[in-house]
Protein backbone atom coordinates (compact mmCIF):
# COMPACT_ATOMS: atom_id res chain seq x y z
CA MET A 1 183.74 90.84 145.74
CA ASP A 2 179.96 91.23 145.46
CA PHE A 3 178.27 88.32 143.74
CA GLY A 4 174.75 89.64 144.33
CA LEU A 5 172.46 91.63 142.09
CA SER A 6 172.68 95.38 141.79
CA GLU A 7 169.89 97.61 143.09
CA GLU A 8 168.78 98.16 139.50
CA GLN A 9 168.58 94.42 138.85
CA VAL A 10 166.60 93.81 142.03
CA LEU A 11 164.22 96.58 140.96
CA LEU A 12 163.91 95.03 137.49
CA LYS A 13 162.94 91.66 138.96
CA SER A 14 160.46 93.13 141.41
CA THR A 15 158.88 95.33 138.74
CA ILE A 16 158.34 92.39 136.38
CA ARG A 17 157.06 90.23 139.26
CA ARG A 18 154.57 92.91 140.30
CA PHE A 19 153.37 93.42 136.72
CA LEU A 20 152.81 89.70 136.19
CA ASP A 21 151.10 89.29 139.57
CA GLU A 22 148.62 91.97 138.53
CA GLN A 23 148.29 91.35 134.79
CA CYS A 24 148.96 87.64 134.37
CA PRO A 25 147.36 85.53 137.12
CA THR A 26 146.82 81.90 136.25
CA THR A 27 143.25 82.66 135.18
CA ARG A 28 144.65 84.81 132.38
CA VAL A 29 147.36 82.24 131.62
CA ARG A 30 144.64 79.65 131.09
CA ALA A 31 142.56 81.96 128.90
CA ILE A 32 145.54 82.75 126.67
CA MET A 33 146.79 79.20 126.37
CA GLU A 34 143.33 77.96 125.42
CA SER A 35 142.93 80.61 122.72
CA ASP A 36 143.51 79.87 119.03
CA THR A 37 146.96 81.47 118.83
CA GLY A 38 148.16 81.21 122.43
CA HIS A 39 149.21 84.85 122.14
CA ASP A 40 147.78 87.91 123.86
CA SER A 41 148.93 91.07 122.07
CA ALA A 42 147.90 93.29 124.99
CA LEU A 43 149.99 91.29 127.47
CA TRP A 44 152.96 91.27 125.09
CA GLN A 45 152.65 95.02 124.57
CA GLY A 46 152.56 95.51 128.33
CA LEU A 47 155.79 93.54 128.72
CA ALA A 48 157.37 95.51 125.89
CA ASP A 49 156.29 98.79 127.52
CA LEU A 50 157.96 97.53 130.66
CA GLY A 51 161.18 97.09 128.64
CA VAL A 52 161.34 93.29 128.67
CA ALA A 53 161.71 93.05 124.88
CA SER A 54 164.48 95.66 124.70
CA LEU A 55 166.80 94.78 127.58
CA VAL A 56 169.77 93.62 125.45
CA VAL A 57 169.13 95.90 122.48
CA PRO A 58 171.78 98.66 122.20
CA THR A 59 170.64 102.11 123.25
CA ASP A 60 171.24 103.59 119.80
CA LEU A 61 168.76 101.06 118.42
CA GLY A 62 166.00 101.82 120.88
CA GLY A 63 166.92 99.46 123.70
CA ALA A 64 168.23 99.52 127.25
CA GLY A 65 171.75 98.34 126.35
CA LEU A 66 171.91 95.86 129.24
CA GLU A 67 173.43 92.37 129.42
CA LEU A 68 172.18 88.82 129.18
CA LEU A 69 172.02 88.52 132.97
CA ASP A 70 169.36 91.22 133.01
CA LEU A 71 167.40 89.38 130.33
CA ALA A 72 167.78 86.14 132.28
CA LEU A 73 166.32 87.83 135.36
CA GLY A 74 163.30 88.68 133.25
CA ALA A 75 163.10 85.10 131.97
CA GLU A 76 163.16 83.84 135.55
CA GLU A 77 160.16 85.98 136.48
CA LEU A 78 158.26 84.97 133.35
CA GLY A 79 158.94 81.34 134.21
CA TYR A 80 157.75 81.92 137.77
CA ALA A 81 154.43 83.19 136.44
CA ALA A 82 154.14 80.59 133.61
CA THR A 83 153.77 83.59 131.30
CA PRO A 84 152.43 82.65 127.87
CA GLY A 85 153.74 84.25 124.70
CA PRO A 86 156.68 84.62 122.34
CA PHE A 87 159.28 85.93 124.82
CA LEU A 88 161.86 83.14 124.42
CA ALA A 89 161.94 82.97 120.61
CA ASN A 90 161.78 86.75 120.31
CA ALA A 91 164.72 87.04 122.71
CA ILE A 92 166.79 84.48 120.79
CA ALA A 93 166.08 86.35 117.55
CA THR A 94 167.00 89.64 119.25
CA VAL A 95 170.36 88.26 120.36
CA ALA A 96 170.97 86.92 116.85
CA LEU A 97 170.34 90.36 115.34
CA VAL A 98 172.48 92.13 117.95
CA GLU A 99 175.37 89.64 117.62
CA SER A 100 175.25 89.67 113.82
CA GLY A 101 176.49 93.23 113.53
CA ASP A 102 174.25 93.52 110.46
CA ALA A 103 173.33 97.22 110.60
CA THR A 104 170.71 96.95 107.88
CA GLN A 105 168.71 94.21 109.58
CA GLN A 106 169.21 95.78 113.00
CA GLN A 107 167.78 99.07 111.80
CA ARG A 108 164.95 97.23 110.07
CA TRP A 109 163.79 95.22 113.08
CA LEU A 110 165.21 95.98 116.50
CA ALA A 111 163.41 99.24 117.25
CA ASP A 112 160.02 97.73 116.35
CA MET A 113 160.78 94.57 118.31
CA SER A 114 161.81 96.63 121.32
CA GLY A 115 158.57 98.59 121.19
CA GLY A 116 156.39 95.50 120.84
CA SER A 117 155.05 96.35 117.38
CA ALA A 118 157.01 93.50 115.74
CA ILE A 119 157.55 89.92 116.88
CA ALA A 120 160.46 87.76 115.77
CA THR A 121 160.98 84.04 116.13
CA ALA A 122 163.88 81.62 115.75
CA ALA A 123 163.57 78.65 113.39
CA TYR A 124 166.53 76.49 114.42
CA GLY A 125 165.87 72.85 115.31
CA GLU A 126 165.12 70.10 112.81
CA ALA A 127 163.50 66.66 112.73
CA ASP A 128 164.46 63.98 115.26
CA SER A 129 165.46 66.62 117.83
CA GLU A 130 168.43 67.77 115.78
CA TRP A 131 169.87 70.97 117.25
CA ASP A 132 173.48 70.73 116.03
CA PRO A 133 173.91 73.33 113.23
CA ARG A 134 176.56 71.17 111.58
CA ARG A 135 173.89 68.57 110.80
CA PHE A 136 171.08 70.83 109.62
CA THR A 137 169.57 69.88 106.28
CA THR A 138 167.76 73.17 105.55
CA ARG A 139 169.78 74.73 102.76
CA VAL A 140 170.16 78.03 100.94
CA ALA A 141 171.19 78.32 97.31
CA ALA A 142 171.11 81.48 95.20
CA GLY A 143 169.25 83.34 97.94
CA LYS A 144 166.44 80.73 98.12
CA LEU A 145 165.84 78.71 101.29
CA SER A 146 164.37 75.20 101.34
CA GLY A 147 163.74 72.78 104.18
CA VAL A 148 161.54 72.03 107.18
CA LYS A 149 161.75 73.46 110.68
CA PRO A 150 159.36 71.39 112.81
CA LEU A 151 159.62 73.34 116.10
CA VAL A 152 159.26 77.08 115.52
CA PRO A 153 157.68 79.08 118.37
CA TYR A 154 154.85 81.38 117.32
CA ALA A 155 155.65 81.27 113.61
CA GLY A 156 152.00 82.04 112.93
CA VAL A 157 152.16 85.47 114.61
CA ALA A 158 155.79 86.38 113.88
CA ASP A 159 156.64 89.28 111.60
CA VAL A 160 160.08 87.87 110.87
CA MET A 161 161.82 84.52 111.23
CA ILE A 162 165.53 84.09 111.87
CA VAL A 163 166.24 80.76 110.21
CA ALA A 164 169.27 78.55 110.76
CA ALA A 165 170.37 76.90 107.55
CA VAL A 166 173.43 75.80 105.58
CA ASP A 167 174.96 77.07 102.36
CA ASP A 168 178.28 76.40 100.66
CA SER A 169 180.10 78.35 103.40
CA GLY A 170 178.53 76.36 106.24
CA PRO A 171 175.84 77.00 108.88
CA GLY A 172 174.46 80.50 109.26
CA LEU A 173 171.34 82.57 109.78
CA TRP A 174 168.88 83.97 107.24
CA VAL A 175 166.05 86.46 107.58
CA VAL A 176 162.61 85.55 106.23
CA GLU A 177 159.84 88.13 106.50
CA ARG A 178 156.15 87.48 106.97
CA GLY A 179 154.37 86.89 103.68
CA ALA A 180 157.43 85.60 101.86
CA PRO A 181 156.52 83.12 99.11
CA GLY A 182 157.07 79.42 99.67
CA VAL A 183 156.38 79.46 103.44
CA GLU A 184 153.88 76.98 104.85
CA VAL A 185 153.07 77.22 108.58
CA THR A 186 151.29 74.33 110.31
CA PRO A 187 150.21 74.73 113.96
CA LEU A 188 151.16 71.83 116.23
CA THR A 189 149.36 70.26 119.17
CA VAL A 190 151.83 70.72 122.01
CA VAL A 191 152.22 69.81 125.67
CA ASP A 192 153.17 73.31 126.83
CA MET A 193 150.22 75.38 125.71
CA THR A 194 151.81 78.58 127.07
CA ARG A 195 154.46 78.46 124.33
CA ARG A 196 153.02 77.45 120.99
CA LEU A 197 155.01 75.71 118.29
CA ASP A 198 154.51 75.51 114.54
CA SER A 199 156.03 73.38 111.83
CA VAL A 200 157.36 75.57 109.01
CA ARG A 201 158.18 74.38 105.52
CA PHE A 202 160.26 76.55 103.19
CA ALA A 203 160.21 75.94 99.43
CA ASP A 204 162.56 78.22 97.49
CA THR A 205 161.75 81.02 99.91
CA PRO A 206 163.61 84.31 99.37
CA ALA A 207 165.95 84.80 102.33
CA THR A 208 168.55 87.39 103.29
CA ARG A 209 171.72 86.26 104.97
CA LEU A 210 172.24 87.74 108.42
CA GLY A 211 175.81 88.97 108.70
CA GLY A 212 178.16 87.74 111.40
CA GLY A 213 179.22 84.11 111.54
CA ALA A 214 179.10 83.88 115.36
CA ALA A 215 175.48 85.00 115.66
CA LEU A 216 174.04 81.49 115.31
CA GLN A 217 175.98 79.90 118.15
CA ARG A 218 175.76 83.00 120.32
CA SER A 219 171.98 83.09 120.02
CA ILE A 220 171.77 79.37 120.84
CA ASP A 221 173.90 79.95 123.94
CA ALA A 222 171.69 82.86 124.99
CA GLY A 223 168.61 80.69 124.50
CA CYS A 224 170.10 77.97 126.70
CA VAL A 225 170.71 80.47 129.50
CA LEU A 226 167.19 81.89 129.19
CA ILE A 227 165.64 78.42 129.33
CA ALA A 228 167.73 77.66 132.41
CA ALA A 229 166.45 80.87 134.02
CA ASP A 230 162.87 79.97 133.11
CA ALA A 231 163.38 76.53 134.65
CA PHE A 232 164.67 78.05 137.87
CA GLY A 233 161.75 80.47 138.11
CA GLY A 234 159.23 77.71 137.45
CA SER A 235 160.88 75.38 139.95
CA ARG A 236 160.83 78.05 142.64
CA ARG A 237 157.13 78.72 142.04
CA CYS A 238 156.28 75.03 142.37
CA LEU A 239 158.31 74.73 145.56
CA GLU A 240 156.46 77.69 147.06
CA MET A 241 153.10 76.24 145.99
CA THR A 242 154.01 72.94 147.65
CA VAL A 243 155.08 74.56 150.92
CA THR A 244 151.79 76.48 151.02
CA TYR A 245 149.74 73.40 150.19
CA SER A 246 151.48 71.25 152.82
CA GLN A 247 150.63 73.84 155.47
CA GLN A 248 146.95 73.73 154.49
CA ARG A 249 146.29 70.07 153.68
CA GLU A 250 145.17 68.08 156.70
CA GLN A 251 145.60 64.33 156.98
CA PHE A 252 145.28 62.07 160.03
CA GLY A 253 144.30 65.06 162.13
CA GLN A 254 147.26 67.32 161.33
CA MET A 255 148.80 69.31 158.52
CA ILE A 256 150.94 67.18 156.23
CA ALA A 257 153.78 69.70 156.68
CA ALA A 258 154.26 68.14 160.12
CA PHE A 259 155.13 64.75 158.61
CA GLN A 260 158.84 64.05 158.57
CA ALA A 261 158.76 62.44 155.13
CA VAL A 262 157.08 65.53 153.65
CA LYS A 263 159.55 67.85 155.38
CA HIS A 264 162.50 65.89 154.05
CA GLN A 265 161.18 65.81 150.50
CA ILE A 266 160.54 69.56 150.47
CA ALA A 267 163.95 70.20 152.01
CA ASN A 268 165.63 68.05 149.37
CA VAL A 269 163.93 70.06 146.61
CA ALA A 270 165.03 73.34 148.18
CA CYS A 271 168.61 72.14 148.67
CA GLU A 272 168.88 71.04 145.06
CA LEU A 273 167.25 74.13 143.64
CA GLU A 274 168.90 76.99 145.52
CA PRO A 275 172.54 76.40 144.44
CA SER A 276 171.42 76.12 140.82
CA LEU A 277 170.72 79.85 140.67
CA ALA A 278 174.45 80.59 140.77
CA LEU A 279 174.95 78.41 137.68
CA VAL A 280 172.36 80.43 135.75
CA TRP A 281 173.82 83.78 136.81
CA TYR A 282 177.37 82.70 136.00
CA ALA A 283 176.40 81.36 132.59
CA ALA A 284 174.74 84.70 131.82
CA HIS A 285 177.79 86.57 133.12
CA ALA A 286 180.11 84.41 131.02
CA PHE A 287 178.06 85.15 127.90
CA ASP A 288 179.00 88.82 128.13
CA ARG A 289 182.30 88.79 130.02
CA ILE A 290 184.05 85.44 129.41
CA ARG A 291 183.20 84.77 125.79
CA ASP A 292 185.74 82.01 125.24
CA LYS A 293 184.05 79.89 127.93
CA SER A 294 180.47 81.03 127.51
CA GLU A 295 179.36 78.21 125.22
CA ARG A 296 180.31 75.52 127.74
CA HIS A 297 178.71 77.34 130.67
CA ALA A 298 175.49 77.84 128.70
CA ALA A 299 175.38 74.13 127.87
CA MET A 300 175.94 73.16 131.52
CA ALA A 301 173.26 75.55 132.76
CA LYS A 302 170.72 74.26 130.24
CA ALA A 303 171.43 70.62 131.06
CA HIS A 304 171.44 70.98 134.84
CA LEU A 305 168.49 73.34 135.31
CA THR A 306 166.15 71.43 133.02
CA ASP A 307 167.01 68.21 134.85
CA VAL A 308 166.34 69.97 138.16
CA TYR A 309 163.01 71.27 136.82
CA ASP A 310 162.01 67.72 135.90
CA ARG A 311 162.80 66.42 139.38
CA VAL A 312 161.15 69.35 141.13
CA MET A 313 157.97 68.82 139.11
CA ARG A 314 157.86 65.11 139.86
CA ASP A 315 158.38 65.65 143.59
CA THR A 316 156.04 68.61 143.99
CA THR A 317 153.28 66.91 142.00
CA GLU A 318 153.64 63.85 144.20
CA LEU A 319 153.48 65.98 147.35
CA HIS A 320 150.21 67.49 146.17
CA GLY A 321 148.65 64.04 145.97
CA GLY A 322 145.79 63.41 143.57
CA ILE A 323 144.93 67.07 143.08
CA GLY A 324 148.35 67.69 141.57
CA PHE A 325 147.35 65.64 138.51
CA THR A 326 144.10 67.47 137.76
CA TRP A 327 143.41 70.04 135.03
CA GLU A 328 141.67 72.32 137.53
CA PHE A 329 144.75 72.69 139.74
CA ASP A 330 147.43 75.04 138.39
CA LEU A 331 150.48 72.87 139.00
CA HIS A 332 150.27 71.25 135.56
CA LEU A 333 151.00 74.63 133.92
CA TRP A 334 154.56 74.37 135.16
CA PHE A 335 154.78 70.62 134.57
CA ARG A 336 154.10 71.34 130.90
CA ARG A 337 156.68 74.12 130.80
CA ALA A 338 159.25 71.74 132.26
CA VAL A 339 158.65 69.39 129.32
CA PHE A 340 159.21 72.26 126.86
CA ASP A 341 162.35 73.47 128.64
CA ARG A 342 163.80 69.96 128.66
CA GLY A 343 163.57 69.50 124.90
CA PHE A 344 163.83 72.90 123.24
CA LEU A 345 167.37 73.66 121.96
CA GLY A 346 168.42 70.13 122.91
CA ASP A 347 168.00 67.86 125.92
CA ALA A 348 170.31 67.44 128.91
CA HIS A 349 172.24 64.51 127.38
CA TYR A 350 173.02 66.54 124.27
CA HIS A 351 174.26 69.56 126.21
CA ARG A 352 176.30 67.52 128.68
CA ALA A 353 178.07 65.90 125.74
CA ARG A 354 178.66 69.38 124.24
CA ALA A 355 180.04 70.66 127.55
CA ALA A 356 182.40 67.69 127.77
CA ASP A 357 183.62 68.21 124.22
CA LEU A 358 184.14 71.93 124.83
CA ALA A 359 186.15 71.13 127.96
CA GLY A 360 188.35 68.74 125.96
CA TRP A 361 187.25 65.64 127.85
């Protein structure tokens, strides 16, 4: 049995890597993240032209008709490059639309999202890091949505928001279009400047229910897998940066890579990181092929990879010495992304508890 990637998947990864190497060096990352919106429409259009926004969209709706694993491979490369922009939230919203089976909303949005002319975001989490849909307080009554979503990626540039809320039938998803009345968007000051967040308040906002009761949880699971993939890509980049730095930095008359303590610390990072890739790939595979177990595997991948990312960032920053803590050195771009990955969609403790509950422990 072959557990590796197909030739097409290897080509997908290498194509995205080459595009980002050329079009999104860290100089451009810094320029985008320090801009007012944190969004570069030309870069996003380039990624859409490459097919990144349409990987899991069915072919009859303008997409490539691929699986979550393919999208996760893209997320890994975007994480490797610390790519700024609305990829994650747009991908979660895409999965929600695809999983909903709502033909009207799919026809309305997916083709434009695939082509890059429309951006979607996901308004899920609530105050006090509440990510459990059963405890959401945002409510819908008579087609009007009211509540606060304090952590919405790129709400200020999104053409449509997929909002998680509750009505008399329980948790579900609703569609809110740009310009809808009763929507107040407040930009937030965030740690990860490559992925902007807004606080969004809804006050009797007209909203359309998105069909398909499973779409909410399925899109959360997909988001967990994509964050895990981003964390792996970012961790790998930081490990490579540290290896390179240790072979260049001289101390006591020799390169610090020659010091046993440095060798051991780098080896420990590599040994912890490399096996984690299988967990990401399997969680993505389970999403499409083992649906009854996919929720637990997504939770485990999210919890483990974001913990690994935290540890990798601490160790690699330490190995860079004082320069690793400076604004001028690029390492902090990934440190910030690790903070975002840890918290968005729920932290490691939350997802480990979910995984245990889903396993019947």
